[in-house]
Amino acid sequence: MLTPGGHDVPSLGDVCVRASGKAEDAEPDDLDALGLCGATIWESGDAPDLSAPVRRFVAVGLGSSGLVDYLDMYGNEHRAAAG
């Protein structure tokens, strides 16, 4: 999993996501698609700028998508967006 800055990050459910590299360095030659996962950080001033890797994937016709929040296993609604 590539993460902003290559740092391990906690999920909304307090699961630690171990980084294997920096999201900012994602290249189309290395991946089939780019998926951005996140939470309310995307609505804050602390959101990382990942526009460069997204543009690289779009420029070569590879898919990219984003998921903000989610619908959890208990049925609690969270906002979701995909592109």
C-alpha atoms as a PDB file:
ATOM      1  CA  MET A   1       0.000   0.000   0.000  1.00  0.00           C
ATOM      2  CA  LEU A   2       1.333   3.399  -0.952  1.00  0.00           C
ATOM      3  CA  THR A   3       0.562   6.126   1.548  1.00  0.00           C
ATOM      4  CA  PRO A   4       1.067   9.897   1.627  1.00  0.00           C
ATOM      5  CA  GLY A   5       4.697  10.492   2.482  1.00  0.00           C
ATOM      6  CA  GLY A   6       5.272   6.739   2.784  1.00  0.00           C
ATOM      7  CA  HIS A   7       4.176   6.779   6.419  1.00  0.00           C
ATOM      8  CA  ASP A   8       2.128   4.063   8.146  1.00  0.00           C
ATOM      9  CA  VAL A   9      -1.412   5.345   8.722  1.00  0.00           C
ATOM     10  CA  PRO A  10      -4.343   4.292  10.948  1.00  0.00           C
ATOM     11  CA  SER A  11      -7.698   3.524   9.360  1.00  0.00           C
ATOM     12  CA  LEU A  12     -11.009   4.801  10.694  1.00  0.00           C
ATOM     13  CA  GLY A  13     -11.299   1.452  12.491  1.00  0.00           C
ATOM     14  CA  ASP A  14      -7.829   1.850  14.065  1.00  0.00           C
ATOM     15  CA  VAL A  15      -6.218  -0.713  11.765  1.00  0.00           C
ATOM     16  CA  CYS A  16      -2.616   0.239  11.023  1.00  0.00           C
ATOM     17  CA  VAL A  17      -1.892   0.357   7.302  1.00  0.00           C
ATOM     18  CA  ARG A  18       1.775  -0.377   6.661  1.00  0.00           C
ATOM     19  CA  ALA A  19       3.287   1.694   3.897  1.00  0.00           C
ATOM     20  CA  SER A  20       5.287   0.055   1.121  1.00  0.00           C
ATOM     21  CA  GLY A  21       6.085   3.357  -0.554  1.00  0.00           C
ATOM     22  CA  LYS A  22       4.995   6.923  -1.187  1.00  0.00           C
ATOM     23  CA  ALA A  23       1.682   7.592  -2.946  1.00  0.00           C
ATOM     24  CA  GLU A  24       3.243  10.677  -4.495  1.00  0.00           C
ATOM     25  CA  ASP A  25       5.657   8.393  -6.388  1.00  0.00           C
ATOM     26  CA  ALA A  26       2.978   6.108  -7.905  1.00  0.00           C
ATOM     27  CA  GLU A  27       3.758   5.434 -11.575  1.00  0.00           C
ATOM     28  CA  PRO A  28       1.540   3.861 -14.238  1.00  0.00           C
ATOM     29  CA  ASP A  29       4.329   1.432 -15.210  1.00  0.00           C
ATOM     30  CA  ASP A  30       4.228  -0.034 -11.693  1.00  0.00           C
ATOM     31  CA  LEU A  31       0.460  -0.416 -11.162  1.00  0.00           C
ATOM     32  CA  ASP A  32      -2.635  -1.350 -13.168  1.00  0.00           C
ATOM     33  CA  ALA A  33      -4.824   1.320 -11.561  1.00  0.00           C
ATOM     34  CA  LEU A  34      -4.727   3.941  -8.831  1.00  0.00           C
ATOM     35  CA  GLY A  35      -7.217   3.915  -5.964  1.00  0.00           C
ATOM     36  CA  LEU A  36      -7.256   6.620  -3.322  1.00  0.00           C
ATOM     37  CA  CYS A  37      -8.763   5.690   0.005  1.00  0.00           C
ATOM     38  CA  GLY A  38      -9.367   8.115   2.786  1.00  0.00           C
ATOM     39  CA  ALA A  39     -11.736   9.609   5.263  1.00  0.00           C
ATOM     40  CA  THR A  40     -12.693  13.068   6.381  1.00  0.00           C
ATOM     41  CA  ILE A  41      -9.097  14.242   5.859  1.00  0.00           C
ATOM     42  CA  TRP A  42     -10.036  14.874   2.200  1.00  0.00           C
ATOM     43  CA  GLU A  43     -12.419  17.596   3.391  1.00  0.00           C
ATOM     44  CA  SER A  44      -9.831  19.263   5.622  1.00  0.00           C
ATOM     45  CA  GLY A  45      -6.858  21.514   5.083  1.00  0.00           C
ATOM     46  CA  ASP A  46      -4.613  18.550   5.931  1.00  0.00           C
ATOM     47  CA  ALA A  47      -5.404  16.524   2.813  1.00  0.00           C
ATOM     48  CA  PRO A  48      -2.307  15.492   0.843  1.00  0.00           C
ATOM     49  CA  ASP A  49      -1.962  16.764  -2.709  1.00  0.00           C
ATOM     50  CA  LEU A  50      -2.006  13.623  -4.828  1.00  0.00           C
ATOM     51  CA  SER A  51      -3.018  15.356  -8.056  1.00  0.00           C
ATOM     52  CA  ALA A  52       0.336  14.573  -9.752  1.00  0.00           C
ATOM     53  CA  PRO A  53       0.049  10.772  -9.560  1.00  0.00           C
ATOM     54  CA  VAL A  54      -3.641  10.924 -10.507  1.00  0.00           C
ATOM     55  CA  ARG A  55      -2.737  12.992 -13.592  1.00  0.00           C
ATOM     56  CA  ARG A  56      -0.014  10.494 -14.553  1.00  0.00           C
ATOM     57  CA  PHE A  57      -2.511   7.614 -14.501  1.00  0.00           C
ATOM     58  CA  VAL A  58      -5.226   9.527 -16.366  1.00  0.00           C
ATOM     59  CA  ALA A  59      -2.713  10.693 -19.007  1.00  0.00           C
ATOM     60  CA  VAL A  60      -1.962   7.108 -20.040  1.00  0.00           C
ATOM     61  CA  GLY A  61      -5.581   5.957 -19.870  1.00  0.00           C
ATOM     62  CA  LEU A  62      -5.345   3.939 -16.650  1.00  0.00           C
ATOM     63  CA  GLY A  63      -8.164   4.072 -14.178  1.00  0.00           C
ATOM     64  CA  SER A  64      -8.075   6.022 -10.978  1.00  0.00           C
ATOM     65  CA  SER A  65     -10.747   6.235  -8.316  1.00  0.00           C
ATOM     66  CA  GLY A  66     -11.316   7.649  -4.888  1.00  0.00           C
ATOM     67  CA  LEU A  67     -13.261   6.491  -1.882  1.00  0.00           C
ATOM     68  CA  VAL A  68     -14.066   8.852   0.941  1.00  0.00           C
ATOM     69  CA  ASP A  69     -15.557   7.298   4.042  1.00  0.00           C
ATOM     70  CA  TYR A  70     -17.685   4.172   3.620  1.00  0.00           C
ATOM     71  CA  LEU A  71     -20.753   2.169   4.675  1.00  0.00           C
ATOM     72  CA  ASP A  72     -19.531   0.050   7.548  1.00  0.00           C
ATOM     73  CA  MET A  73     -20.513  -3.479   8.492  1.00  0.00           C
ATOM     74  CA  TYR A  74     -23.003  -2.135  11.046  1.00  0.00           C
ATOM     75  CA  GLY A  75     -24.902  -0.149   8.451  1.00  0.00           C
ATOM     76  CA  ASN A  76     -23.656   3.242   9.579  1.00  0.00           C
ATOM     77  CA  GLU A  77     -23.644   5.545   6.601  1.00  0.00           C
ATOM     78  CA  HIS A  78     -20.547   7.421   5.650  1.00  0.00           C
ATOM     79  CA  ARG A  79     -20.080   9.633   2.624  1.00  0.00           C
ATOM     80  CA  ALA A  80     -18.610   7.931  -0.432  1.00  0.00           C
ATOM     81  CA  ALA A  81     -17.387   9.325  -3.731  1.00  0.00           C
ATOM     82  CA  ALA A  82     -15.820   7.674  -6.752  1.00  0.00           C
ATOM     83  CA  GLY A  83     -14.419   9.022  -9.968  1.00  0.00           C
END
